[in-house]
Amino acid sequence: MIGEERRGYAKGRAKRVQILDQAMALFGEVGYRGASLRVIATRCGLSHPGLLHHFPTKESLLLAVLEHRDEVDGQWLEAGRPTGLDRLRRLVELAELNARRRGIVELFCVLSAEATSGDHPAHSYFVERYRTSVLTTAVSYAEARDEGVLREGITPDEAAQQLIALMDGLQTQWLLSGCATDMAGVLRAHVQAQLTVPL
């Protein structure tokens, strides 16, 4: 009996991950508003009610997709608890990683643009995500300053806003250039110019 329960749980978890993957792909292709739960269900070999068993609303599915993406990236970004220079280096490496994940970059670009509207279900999520991203990046710049590796005149708060804006802008350019833009290279050069040591 316990073995059957475990198999059922594992099967349900695998189906949930499949739904998240397919939703992530479709949201990236057509945006949240253009995506249909019925299309996602079909892509997963489920009926519409079968999909609703896992995610009762489109909004709950969207938030689960965003949380799933943040969880995966967060674990990678925080591995080894990097600070200061190491944390800035990790952000450049994130751009390298994203260059191998077009679907995730599309998802982020489309949804973050849609979510500027106050009535979008991910509006609060993106407001908080940007606040946290800028704040943690400012901390990394401040730590780099305390390590003595940040050039004089670089203000951590301003540098953090610039870096996050540059990362997002490069993602859009990368998508529109057919993935020809060197996101990591441009980002690395930008951060390197702010440092007194090799990145």
N, C-alpha and C. Protein backbone atom coordinates (compact mmCIF):
# COMPACT_ATOMS: atom_id res chain seq x y z
N MET A 1 0.83 -1.20 0.00
CA MET A 1 0.00 0.00 0.00
C MET A 1 0.86 1.26 0.00
N ILE A 2 1.89 1.27 0.86
CA ILE A 2 2.77 2.43 0.93
C ILE A 2 3.52 2.60 -0.38
N GLY A 3 3.96 1.48 -0.98
CA GLY A 3 4.65 1.54 -2.26
C GLY A 3 3.78 2.13 -3.35
N GLU A 4 2.49 1.76 -3.34
CA GLU A 4 1.55 2.29 -4.33
C GLU A 4 1.36 3.80 -4.13
N GLU A 5 1.27 4.22 -2.87
CA GLU A 5 1.11 5.65 -2.57
C GLU A 5 2.32 6.43 -3.07
N ARG A 6 3.52 5.88 -2.84
CA ARG A 6 4.74 6.55 -3.29
C ARG A 6 4.79 6.65 -4.80
N ARG A 7 4.40 5.55 -5.49
CA ARG A 7 4.38 5.58 -6.95
C ARG A 7 3.38 6.62 -7.45
N GLY A 8 2.21 6.67 -6.80
CA GLY A 8 1.20 7.64 -7.18
C GLY A 8 1.68 9.06 -6.96
N TYR A 9 2.39 9.28 -5.84
CA TYR A 9 2.92 10.61 -5.54
C TYR A 9 3.98 11.00 -6.56
N ALA A 10 4.88 10.05 -6.88
CA ALA A 10 5.96 10.33 -7.85
C ALA A 10 5.37 10.61 -9.22
N LYS A 11 4.34 9.86 -9.60
CA LYS A 11 3.70 10.07 -10.90
C LYS A 11 3.03 11.45 -10.94
N GLY A 12 2.35 11.81 -9.86
CA GLY A 12 1.70 13.12 -9.78
C GLY A 12 2.71 14.25 -9.83
N ARG A 13 3.84 14.06 -9.15
CA ARG A 13 4.90 15.08 -9.14
C ARG A 13 5.50 15.22 -10.55
N ALA A 14 5.73 14.10 -11.22
CA ALA A 14 6.29 14.14 -12.59
C ALA A 14 5.32 14.86 -13.53
N LYS A 15 4.02 14.60 -13.38
CA LYS A 15 3.03 15.27 -14.23
C LYS A 15 2.99 16.76 -13.94
N ARG A 16 3.14 17.13 -12.68
CA ARG A 16 3.15 18.54 -12.29
C ARG A 16 4.33 19.26 -12.94
N VAL A 17 5.50 18.61 -12.93
CA VAL A 17 6.69 19.21 -13.55
C VAL A 17 6.48 19.34 -15.06
N GLN A 18 5.87 18.33 -15.68
CA GLN A 18 5.57 18.40 -17.12
C GLN A 18 4.65 19.59 -17.43
N ILE A 19 3.63 19.78 -16.59
CA ILE A 19 2.70 20.90 -16.78
C ILE A 19 3.46 22.22 -16.65
N LEU A 20 4.32 22.34 -15.65
CA LEU A 20 5.09 23.57 -15.46
C LEU A 20 5.99 23.84 -16.67
N ASP A 21 6.63 22.79 -17.18
CA ASP A 21 7.50 22.95 -18.35
C ASP A 21 6.71 23.40 -19.58
N GLN A 22 5.57 22.79 -19.81
CA GLN A 22 4.75 23.15 -20.98
C GLN A 22 4.15 24.55 -20.82
N ALA A 23 3.75 24.90 -19.60
CA ALA A 23 3.20 26.23 -19.35
C ALA A 23 4.30 27.27 -19.54
N MET A 24 5.49 26.98 -19.06
CA MET A 24 6.61 27.89 -19.21
C MET A 24 6.88 28.15 -20.69
N ALA A 25 6.84 27.10 -21.48
CA ALA A 25 7.08 27.23 -22.92
C ALA A 25 5.98 28.06 -23.58
N LEU A 26 4.73 27.77 -23.26
CA LEU A 26 3.62 28.48 -23.91
C LEU A 26 3.55 29.94 -23.45
N PHE A 27 3.78 30.20 -22.18
CA PHE A 27 3.79 31.59 -21.70
C PHE A 27 4.89 32.37 -22.40
N GLY A 28 6.01 31.72 -22.64
CA GLY A 28 7.11 32.37 -23.36
C GLY A 28 6.77 32.64 -24.82
N GLU A 29 5.98 31.74 -25.41
CA GLU A 29 5.62 31.88 -26.83
C GLU A 29 4.55 32.95 -27.06
N VAL A 30 3.49 32.93 -26.23
CA VAL A 30 2.34 33.81 -26.51
C VAL A 30 1.97 34.71 -25.35
N GLY A 31 2.73 34.67 -24.26
CA GLY A 31 2.39 35.49 -23.09
C GLY A 31 1.34 34.82 -22.24
N TYR A 32 1.14 35.38 -21.06
CA TYR A 32 0.16 34.82 -20.13
C TYR A 32 -1.25 34.99 -20.68
N ARG A 33 -1.56 36.18 -21.15
CA ARG A 33 -2.93 36.47 -21.59
C ARG A 33 -3.29 35.64 -22.83
N GLY A 34 -2.31 35.35 -23.68
CA GLY A 34 -2.58 34.60 -24.90
C GLY A 34 -2.57 33.10 -24.72
N ALA A 35 -2.11 32.64 -23.57
CA ALA A 35 -2.00 31.20 -23.33
C ALA A 35 -3.34 30.61 -22.88
N SER A 36 -3.60 29.39 -23.29
CA SER A 36 -4.84 28.70 -22.93
C SER A 36 -4.52 27.46 -22.09
N LEU A 37 -5.28 27.28 -21.01
CA LEU A 37 -5.10 26.09 -20.19
C LEU A 37 -5.42 24.83 -20.99
N ARG A 38 -6.35 24.93 -21.91
CA ARG A 38 -6.71 23.76 -22.72
C ARG A 38 -5.54 23.33 -23.62
N VAL A 39 -4.81 24.32 -24.16
CA VAL A 39 -3.64 24.00 -24.99
C VAL A 39 -2.56 23.34 -24.13
N ILE A 40 -2.33 23.88 -22.94
CA ILE A 40 -1.33 23.30 -22.04
C ILE A 40 -1.73 21.88 -21.67
N ALA A 41 -3.01 21.67 -21.38
CA ALA A 41 -3.50 20.33 -21.03
C ALA A 41 -3.25 19.36 -22.18
N THR A 42 -3.58 19.78 -23.41
CA THR A 42 -3.37 18.93 -24.58
C THR A 42 -1.91 18.57 -24.74
N ARG A 43 -1.02 19.55 -24.57
CA ARG A 43 0.41 19.29 -24.70
C ARG A 43 0.91 18.29 -23.66
N CYS A 44 0.19 18.20 -22.54
CA CYS A 44 0.59 17.28 -21.46
C CYS A 44 -0.17 15.96 -21.51
N GLY A 45 -1.05 15.81 -22.52
CA GLY A 45 -1.83 14.58 -22.61
C GLY A 45 -2.89 14.49 -21.54
N LEU A 46 -3.39 15.65 -21.11
CA LEU A 46 -4.41 15.69 -20.07
C LEU A 46 -5.70 16.29 -20.61
N SER A 47 -6.79 16.00 -19.93
CA SER A 47 -8.03 16.72 -20.20
C SER A 47 -7.95 18.06 -19.47
N HIS A 48 -8.84 18.98 -19.83
CA HIS A 48 -8.87 20.26 -19.13
C HIS A 48 -9.14 20.07 -17.64
N PRO A 49 -10.15 19.24 -17.24
CA PRO A 49 -10.36 18.99 -15.80
C PRO A 49 -9.15 18.32 -15.15
N GLY A 50 -8.43 17.50 -15.92
CA GLY A 50 -7.23 16.85 -15.37
C GLY A 50 -6.16 17.87 -15.02
N LEU A 51 -6.01 18.89 -15.86
CA LEU A 51 -5.05 19.96 -15.56
C LEU A 51 -5.50 20.74 -14.34
N LEU A 52 -6.80 21.03 -14.26
CA LEU A 52 -7.34 21.80 -13.13
C LEU A 52 -7.18 21.06 -11.80
N HIS A 53 -7.03 19.74 -11.86
CA HIS A 53 -6.77 18.97 -10.64
C HIS A 53 -5.44 19.39 -10.03
N HIS A 54 -4.45 19.67 -10.89
CA HIS A 54 -3.12 20.07 -10.42
C HIS A 54 -3.05 21.57 -10.15
N PHE A 55 -3.67 22.36 -11.02
CA PHE A 55 -3.65 23.83 -10.90
C PHE A 55 -5.07 24.33 -11.15
N PRO A 56 -5.79 24.69 -10.10
CA PRO A 56 -7.20 25.04 -10.25
C PRO A 56 -7.49 26.30 -11.05
N THR A 57 -6.49 27.19 -11.20
CA THR A 57 -6.70 28.41 -11.98
C THR A 57 -5.47 28.69 -12.83
N LYS A 58 -5.67 29.48 -13.85
CA LYS A 58 -4.54 29.89 -14.71
C LYS A 58 -3.55 30.73 -13.89
N GLU A 59 -4.07 31.55 -13.00
CA GLU A 59 -3.21 32.37 -12.15
C GLU A 59 -2.33 31.50 -11.25
N SER A 60 -2.90 30.45 -10.67
CA SER A 60 -2.11 29.57 -9.79
C SER A 60 -1.01 28.88 -10.59
N LEU A 61 -1.30 28.55 -11.85
CA LEU A 61 -0.28 27.92 -12.70
C LEU A 61 0.84 28.92 -13.02
N LEU A 62 0.47 30.14 -13.34
CA LEU A 62 1.48 31.17 -13.64
C LEU A 62 2.41 31.37 -12.45
N LEU A 63 1.84 31.52 -11.27
CA LEU A 63 2.66 31.76 -10.08
C LEU A 63 3.55 30.55 -9.77
N ALA A 64 3.03 29.35 -10.02
CA ALA A 64 3.84 28.14 -9.81
C ALA A 64 5.00 28.09 -10.79
N VAL A 65 4.77 28.51 -12.04
CA VAL A 65 5.84 28.55 -13.05
C VAL A 65 6.93 29.52 -12.60
N LEU A 66 6.54 30.71 -12.15
CA LEU A 66 7.52 31.71 -11.72
C LEU A 66 8.28 31.25 -10.49
N GLU A 67 7.59 30.65 -9.55
CA GLU A 67 8.24 30.14 -8.34
C GLU A 67 9.22 29.02 -8.68
N HIS A 68 8.82 28.14 -9.62
CA HIS A 68 9.67 27.03 -10.04
C HIS A 68 10.96 27.57 -10.67
N ARG A 69 10.83 28.56 -11.54
CA ARG A 69 12.00 29.16 -12.19
C ARG A 69 12.91 29.80 -11.15
N ASP A 70 12.33 30.54 -10.21
CA ASP A 70 13.13 31.20 -9.18
C ASP A 70 13.83 30.20 -8.26
N GLU A 71 13.14 29.11 -7.97
CA GLU A 71 13.72 28.09 -7.10
C GLU A 71 14.96 27.46 -7.75
N VAL A 72 14.83 27.10 -9.02
CA VAL A 72 15.95 26.48 -9.73
C VAL A 72 17.12 27.46 -9.86
N ASP A 73 16.82 28.69 -10.31
CA ASP A 73 17.89 29.69 -10.47
C ASP A 73 18.47 30.11 -9.13
N GLY A 74 17.61 30.23 -8.12
CA GLY A 74 18.07 30.65 -6.80
C GLY A 74 19.05 29.66 -6.19
N GLN A 75 18.77 28.37 -6.33
CA GLN A 75 19.68 27.34 -5.81
C GLN A 75 21.04 27.44 -6.50
N TRP A 76 21.02 27.66 -7.82
CA TRP A 76 22.27 27.76 -8.56
C TRP A 76 23.02 29.04 -8.18
N LEU A 77 22.29 30.14 -8.10
CA LEU A 77 22.91 31.44 -7.83
C LEU A 77 23.52 31.50 -6.43
N GLU A 78 22.89 30.84 -5.47
CA GLU A 78 23.34 30.92 -4.07
C GLU A 78 24.26 29.77 -3.66
N ALA A 79 24.53 28.84 -4.57
CA ALA A 79 25.39 27.70 -4.22
C ALA A 79 26.75 28.19 -3.73
N GLY A 80 27.14 27.75 -2.56
CA GLY A 80 28.41 28.18 -1.98
C GLY A 80 28.34 29.54 -1.30
N ARG A 81 27.17 30.16 -1.28
CA ARG A 81 26.93 31.47 -0.65
C ARG A 81 27.93 32.53 -1.07
N PRO A 82 27.98 32.84 -2.36
CA PRO A 82 28.95 33.84 -2.83
C PRO A 82 28.61 35.24 -2.33
N THR A 83 29.64 36.03 -2.11
CA THR A 83 29.45 37.43 -1.69
C THR A 83 30.38 38.31 -2.52
N GLY A 84 30.10 39.60 -2.53
CA GLY A 84 30.98 40.57 -3.16
C GLY A 84 31.36 40.22 -4.59
N LEU A 85 32.67 40.17 -4.83
CA LEU A 85 33.20 39.88 -6.17
C LEU A 85 32.67 38.55 -6.71
N ASP A 86 32.63 37.53 -5.86
CA ASP A 86 32.16 36.22 -6.31
C ASP A 86 30.69 36.26 -6.73
N ARG A 87 29.90 37.04 -6.03
CA ARG A 87 28.48 37.16 -6.36
C ARG A 87 28.31 37.91 -7.69
N LEU A 88 29.11 38.95 -7.93
CA LEU A 88 29.05 39.66 -9.21
C LEU A 88 29.48 38.73 -10.35
N ARG A 89 30.47 37.92 -10.09
CA ARG A 89 30.93 36.94 -11.09
C ARG A 89 29.81 35.95 -11.39
N ARG A 90 29.08 35.55 -10.36
CA ARG A 90 27.98 34.58 -10.54
C ARG A 90 26.87 35.18 -11.40
N LEU A 91 26.62 36.47 -11.28
CA LEU A 91 25.60 37.12 -12.12
C LEU A 91 25.99 37.09 -13.59
N VAL A 92 27.28 37.27 -13.87
CA VAL A 92 27.75 37.16 -15.25
C VAL A 92 27.58 35.71 -15.74
N GLU A 93 27.87 34.76 -14.87
CA GLU A 93 27.70 33.35 -15.23
C GLU A 93 26.24 33.01 -15.47
N LEU A 94 25.33 33.71 -14.77
CA LEU A 94 23.89 33.50 -15.00
C LEU A 94 23.53 33.89 -16.43
N ALA A 95 24.13 34.97 -16.93
CA ALA A 95 23.88 35.37 -18.32
C ALA A 95 24.39 34.29 -19.28
N GLU A 96 25.51 33.65 -18.96
CA GLU A 96 26.02 32.55 -19.78
C GLU A 96 25.04 31.38 -19.77
N LEU A 97 24.51 31.09 -18.59
CA LEU A 97 23.54 30.00 -18.45
C LEU A 97 22.28 30.31 -19.24
N ASN A 98 21.80 31.55 -19.15
CA ASN A 98 20.58 31.93 -19.86
C ASN A 98 20.72 31.85 -21.37
N ALA A 99 21.95 32.02 -21.87
CA ALA A 99 22.19 31.92 -23.31
C ALA A 99 21.94 30.50 -23.83
N ARG A 100 21.78 29.55 -22.92
CA ARG A 100 21.47 28.17 -23.30
C ARG A 100 20.01 27.82 -23.00
N ARG A 101 19.23 28.84 -22.57
CA ARG A 101 17.84 28.59 -22.17
C ARG A 101 16.90 29.63 -22.79
N ARG A 102 16.78 29.59 -24.09
CA ARG A 102 15.96 30.59 -24.78
C ARG A 102 14.53 30.64 -24.24
N GLY A 103 13.94 29.50 -23.99
CA GLY A 103 12.55 29.46 -23.52
C GLY A 103 12.36 30.22 -22.22
N ILE A 104 13.29 30.07 -21.30
CA ILE A 104 13.18 30.75 -20.01
C ILE A 104 13.37 32.25 -20.18
N VAL A 105 14.30 32.64 -21.06
CA VAL A 105 14.52 34.07 -21.33
C VAL A 105 13.27 34.68 -21.97
N GLU A 106 12.67 33.97 -22.91
CA GLU A 106 11.43 34.45 -23.53
C GLU A 106 10.33 34.61 -22.49
N LEU A 107 10.19 33.61 -21.65
CA LEU A 107 9.17 33.65 -20.61
C LEU A 107 9.34 34.91 -19.75
N PHE A 108 10.55 35.13 -19.29
CA PHE A 108 10.80 36.27 -18.41
C PHE A 108 10.53 37.59 -19.13
N CYS A 109 11.03 37.73 -20.34
CA CYS A 109 10.86 38.99 -21.07
C CYS A 109 9.39 39.29 -21.35
N VAL A 110 8.66 38.29 -21.81
CA VAL A 110 7.24 38.49 -22.13
C VAL A 110 6.43 38.80 -20.87
N LEU A 111 6.62 37.99 -19.83
CA LEU A 111 5.81 38.18 -18.63
C LEU A 111 6.16 39.46 -17.88
N SER A 112 7.44 39.82 -17.82
CA SER A 112 7.80 41.04 -17.09
C SER A 112 7.23 42.27 -17.80
N ALA A 113 7.17 42.24 -19.13
CA ALA A 113 6.56 43.35 -19.88
C ALA A 113 5.05 43.38 -19.65
N GLU A 114 4.39 42.23 -19.74
CA GLU A 114 2.95 42.17 -19.50
C GLU A 114 2.60 42.63 -18.08
N ALA A 115 3.44 42.26 -17.13
CA ALA A 115 3.14 42.49 -15.71
C ALA A 115 3.32 43.94 -15.28
N THR A 116 3.74 44.82 -16.19
CA THR A 116 3.78 46.25 -15.83
C THR A 116 2.37 46.78 -15.60
N SER A 117 1.38 46.10 -16.16
CA SER A 117 -0.02 46.46 -15.94
C SER A 117 -0.41 46.05 -14.52
N GLY A 118 -1.00 46.97 -13.79
CA GLY A 118 -1.35 46.72 -12.40
C GLY A 118 -2.34 45.59 -12.19
N ASP A 119 -3.14 45.25 -13.21
CA ASP A 119 -4.13 44.19 -13.05
C ASP A 119 -3.63 42.82 -13.50
N HIS A 120 -2.37 42.75 -13.89
CA HIS A 120 -1.80 41.45 -14.29
C HIS A 120 -1.56 40.61 -13.04
N PRO A 121 -1.86 39.30 -13.08
CA PRO A 121 -1.70 38.48 -11.88
C PRO A 121 -0.25 38.36 -11.38
N ALA A 122 0.72 38.65 -12.23
CA ALA A 122 2.13 38.57 -11.80
C ALA A 122 2.70 39.95 -11.48
N HIS A 123 1.87 40.99 -11.45
CA HIS A 123 2.36 42.34 -11.19
C HIS A 123 3.11 42.43 -9.86
N SER A 124 2.49 41.99 -8.79
CA SER A 124 3.11 42.05 -7.46
C SER A 124 4.38 41.21 -7.41
N TYR A 125 4.34 40.07 -8.07
CA TYR A 125 5.51 39.19 -8.11
C TYR A 125 6.71 39.92 -8.71
N PHE A 126 6.52 40.58 -9.85
CA PHE A 126 7.63 41.25 -10.52
C PHE A 126 8.07 42.51 -9.78
N VAL A 127 7.13 43.23 -9.17
CA VAL A 127 7.52 44.39 -8.35
C VAL A 127 8.46 43.93 -7.25
N GLU A 128 8.10 42.86 -6.56
CA GLU A 128 8.94 42.35 -5.47
C GLU A 128 10.24 41.75 -6.00
N ARG A 129 10.18 41.07 -7.13
CA ARG A 129 11.37 40.45 -7.69
C ARG A 129 12.41 41.51 -8.05
N TYR A 130 11.97 42.60 -8.68
CA TYR A 130 12.92 43.66 -9.03
C TYR A 130 13.46 44.35 -7.79
N ARG A 131 12.60 44.57 -6.82
CA ARG A 131 13.07 45.19 -5.57
C ARG A 131 14.16 44.34 -4.92
N THR A 132 13.91 43.05 -4.84
CA THR A 132 14.86 42.13 -4.21
C THR A 132 16.13 42.00 -5.05
N SER A 133 15.99 41.92 -6.37
CA SER A 133 17.17 41.79 -7.23
C SER A 133 18.10 42.99 -7.10
N VAL A 134 17.53 44.19 -7.11
CA VAL A 134 18.35 45.40 -6.99
C VAL A 134 18.98 45.46 -5.60
N LEU A 135 18.20 45.12 -4.58
CA LEU A 135 18.71 45.17 -3.21
C LEU A 135 19.88 44.20 -3.00
N THR A 136 19.72 42.95 -3.43
CA THR A 136 20.78 41.97 -3.22
C THR A 136 22.02 42.29 -4.06
N THR A 137 21.80 42.85 -5.24
CA THR A 137 22.93 43.24 -6.08
C THR A 137 23.67 44.43 -5.48
N ALA A 138 22.93 45.36 -4.88
CA ALA A 138 23.56 46.50 -4.19
C ALA A 138 24.41 46.01 -3.03
N VAL A 139 23.92 45.00 -2.33
CA VAL A 139 24.70 44.41 -1.23
C VAL A 139 26.00 43.81 -1.77
N SER A 140 25.92 43.14 -2.91
CA SER A 140 27.12 42.55 -3.52
C SER A 140 28.13 43.63 -3.89
N TYR A 141 27.65 44.73 -4.45
CA TYR A 141 28.55 45.85 -4.78
C TYR A 141 29.16 46.45 -3.51
N ALA A 142 28.37 46.58 -2.46
CA ALA A 142 28.88 47.12 -1.20
C ALA A 142 29.95 46.19 -0.62
N GLU A 143 29.71 44.89 -0.73
CA GLU A 143 30.70 43.92 -0.25
C GLU A 143 31.98 43.99 -1.09
N ALA A 144 31.82 44.17 -2.41
CA ALA A 144 32.99 44.32 -3.28
C ALA A 144 33.77 45.58 -2.90
N ARG A 145 33.05 46.64 -2.57
CA ARG A 145 33.71 47.87 -2.11
C ARG A 145 34.49 47.60 -0.83
N ASP A 146 33.87 46.89 0.11
CA ASP A 146 34.52 46.58 1.38
C ASP A 146 35.71 45.64 1.19
N GLU A 147 35.67 44.83 0.14
CA GLU A 147 36.80 43.95 -0.18
C GLU A 147 37.94 44.73 -0.84
N GLY A 148 37.66 46.00 -1.21
CA GLY A 148 38.68 46.84 -1.83
C GLY A 148 38.86 46.59 -3.31
N VAL A 149 37.84 46.01 -3.97
CA VAL A 149 37.98 45.68 -5.40
C VAL A 149 37.07 46.52 -6.29
N LEU A 150 36.27 47.42 -5.70
CA LEU A 150 35.37 48.28 -6.47
C LEU A 150 36.05 49.62 -6.74
N ARG A 151 35.98 50.07 -7.99
CA ARG A 151 36.61 51.35 -8.34
C ARG A 151 36.00 52.50 -7.55
N GLU A 152 36.79 53.49 -7.29
CA GLU A 152 36.34 54.67 -6.57
C GLU A 152 35.27 55.38 -7.39
N GLY A 153 34.25 55.87 -6.72
CA GLY A 153 33.18 56.61 -7.39
C GLY A 153 32.00 55.75 -7.80
N ILE A 154 32.11 54.42 -7.66
CA ILE A 154 30.98 53.54 -7.98
C ILE A 154 30.07 53.45 -6.77
N THR A 155 28.83 53.85 -6.93
CA THR A 155 27.85 53.80 -5.84
C THR A 155 27.08 52.49 -5.92
N PRO A 156 27.11 51.65 -4.87
CA PRO A 156 26.46 50.34 -4.93
C PRO A 156 25.00 50.37 -5.37
N ASP A 157 24.20 51.30 -4.85
CA ASP A 157 22.78 51.33 -5.21
C ASP A 157 22.58 51.63 -6.70
N GLU A 158 23.30 52.63 -7.21
CA GLU A 158 23.18 52.99 -8.62
C GLU A 158 23.73 51.88 -9.51
N ALA A 159 24.86 51.31 -9.11
CA ALA A 159 25.47 50.23 -9.90
C ALA A 159 24.54 49.03 -9.99
N ALA A 160 23.83 48.75 -8.90
CA ALA A 160 22.90 47.61 -8.88
C ALA A 160 21.75 47.85 -9.85
N GLN A 161 21.17 49.05 -9.83
CA GLN A 161 20.07 49.36 -10.76
C GLN A 161 20.54 49.26 -12.20
N GLN A 162 21.74 49.75 -12.47
CA GLN A 162 22.29 49.70 -13.82
C GLN A 162 22.51 48.26 -14.28
N LEU A 163 23.05 47.44 -13.38
CA LEU A 163 23.36 46.06 -13.75
C LEU A 163 22.08 45.26 -14.05
N ILE A 164 21.07 45.40 -13.20
CA ILE A 164 19.82 44.68 -13.43
C ILE A 164 19.17 45.15 -14.73
N ALA A 165 19.19 46.47 -14.98
CA ALA A 165 18.62 47.00 -16.22
C ALA A 165 19.39 46.50 -17.44
N LEU A 166 20.72 46.44 -17.32
CA LEU A 166 21.55 45.95 -18.41
C LEU A 166 21.26 44.48 -18.70
N MET A 167 21.14 43.68 -17.65
CA MET A 167 20.85 42.26 -17.83
C MET A 167 19.54 42.06 -18.59
N ASP A 168 18.51 42.80 -18.19
CA ASP A 168 17.21 42.64 -18.84
C ASP A 168 17.23 43.16 -20.27
N GLY A 169 17.87 44.30 -20.49
CA GLY A 169 17.96 44.85 -21.84
C GLY A 169 18.73 43.93 -22.77
N LEU A 170 19.79 43.33 -22.26
CA LEU A 170 20.57 42.39 -23.08
C LEU A 170 19.75 41.16 -23.46
N GLN A 171 18.89 40.72 -22.55
CA GLN A 171 18.05 39.56 -22.86
C GLN A 171 17.12 39.87 -24.03
N THR A 172 16.53 41.06 -24.01
CA THR A 172 15.65 41.45 -25.12
C THR A 172 16.44 41.54 -26.42
N GLN A 173 17.61 42.19 -26.38
CA GLN A 173 18.45 42.29 -27.59
C GLN A 173 18.85 40.91 -28.09
N TRP A 174 19.18 40.02 -27.17
CA TRP A 174 19.59 38.65 -27.52
C TRP A 174 18.47 37.92 -28.25
N LEU A 175 17.24 38.05 -27.74
CA LEU A 175 16.10 37.40 -28.39
C LEU A 175 15.86 37.98 -29.78
N LEU A 176 15.92 39.31 -29.90
CA LEU A 176 15.63 39.96 -31.17
C LEU A 176 16.74 39.77 -32.20
N SER A 177 17.96 39.47 -31.73
CA SER A 177 19.08 39.28 -32.66
C SER A 177 19.22 37.82 -33.09
N GLY A 178 18.24 36.99 -32.72
CA GLY A 178 18.36 35.58 -33.04
C GLY A 178 19.46 34.91 -32.23
N CYS A 179 19.63 35.37 -31.00
CA CYS A 179 20.61 34.84 -30.05
C CYS A 179 22.06 35.18 -30.44
N ALA A 180 22.23 36.22 -31.24
CA ALA A 180 23.59 36.60 -31.67
C ALA A 180 24.28 37.52 -30.67
N THR A 181 23.51 38.27 -29.89
CA THR A 181 24.11 39.19 -28.91
C THR A 181 24.85 38.39 -27.83
N ASP A 182 26.06 38.82 -27.51
CA ASP A 182 26.85 38.16 -26.48
C ASP A 182 26.49 38.74 -25.11
N MET A 183 25.43 38.23 -24.52
CA MET A 183 24.94 38.76 -23.24
C MET A 183 26.03 38.73 -22.18
N ALA A 184 26.65 37.58 -22.01
CA ALA A 184 27.64 37.44 -20.95
C ALA A 184 28.86 38.31 -21.22
N GLY A 185 29.28 38.41 -22.47
CA GLY A 185 30.45 39.21 -22.81
C GLY A 185 30.25 40.69 -22.51
N VAL A 186 29.09 41.22 -22.88
CA VAL A 186 28.79 42.63 -22.62
C VAL A 186 28.68 42.87 -21.12
N LEU A 187 28.01 41.96 -20.44
CA LEU A 187 27.83 42.09 -18.99
C LEU A 187 29.18 42.01 -18.27
N ARG A 188 30.02 41.07 -18.70
CA ARG A 188 31.35 40.93 -18.10
C ARG A 188 32.17 42.20 -18.28
N ALA A 189 32.14 42.79 -19.46
CA ALA A 189 32.90 44.01 -19.72
C ALA A 189 32.39 45.16 -18.86
N HIS A 190 31.09 45.24 -18.68
CA HIS A 190 30.49 46.29 -17.85
C HIS A 190 30.96 46.17 -16.39
N VAL A 191 30.85 44.97 -15.84
CA VAL A 191 31.24 44.76 -14.44
C VAL A 191 32.75 44.92 -14.29
N GLN A 192 33.51 44.41 -15.24
CA GLN A 192 34.98 44.52 -15.17
C GLN A 192 35.42 45.97 -15.08
N ALA A 193 34.74 46.85 -15.81
CA ALA A 193 35.11 48.28 -15.81
C ALA A 193 34.86 48.92 -14.45
N GLN A 194 34.09 48.26 -13.61
CA GLN A 194 33.79 48.81 -12.27
C GLN A 194 34.75 48.27 -11.21
N LEU A 195 35.61 47.34 -11.60
CA LEU A 195 36.48 46.65 -10.64
C LEU A 195 37.94 47.02 -10.81
N THR A 196 38.70 46.78 -9.76
CA THR A 196 40.15 47.03 -9.81
C THR A 196 40.92 45.72 -9.94
N VAL A 197 40.21 44.61 -9.99
CA VAL A 197 40.84 43.29 -10.13
C VAL A 197 40.14 42.54 -11.25
N PRO A 198 40.77 41.51 -11.81
CA PRO A 198 40.10 40.73 -12.87
C PRO A 198 38.85 40.06 -12.35
N LEU A 199 37.80 40.10 -13.18
CA LEU A 199 36.55 39.44 -12.81
C LEU A 199 36.70 37.93 -12.99
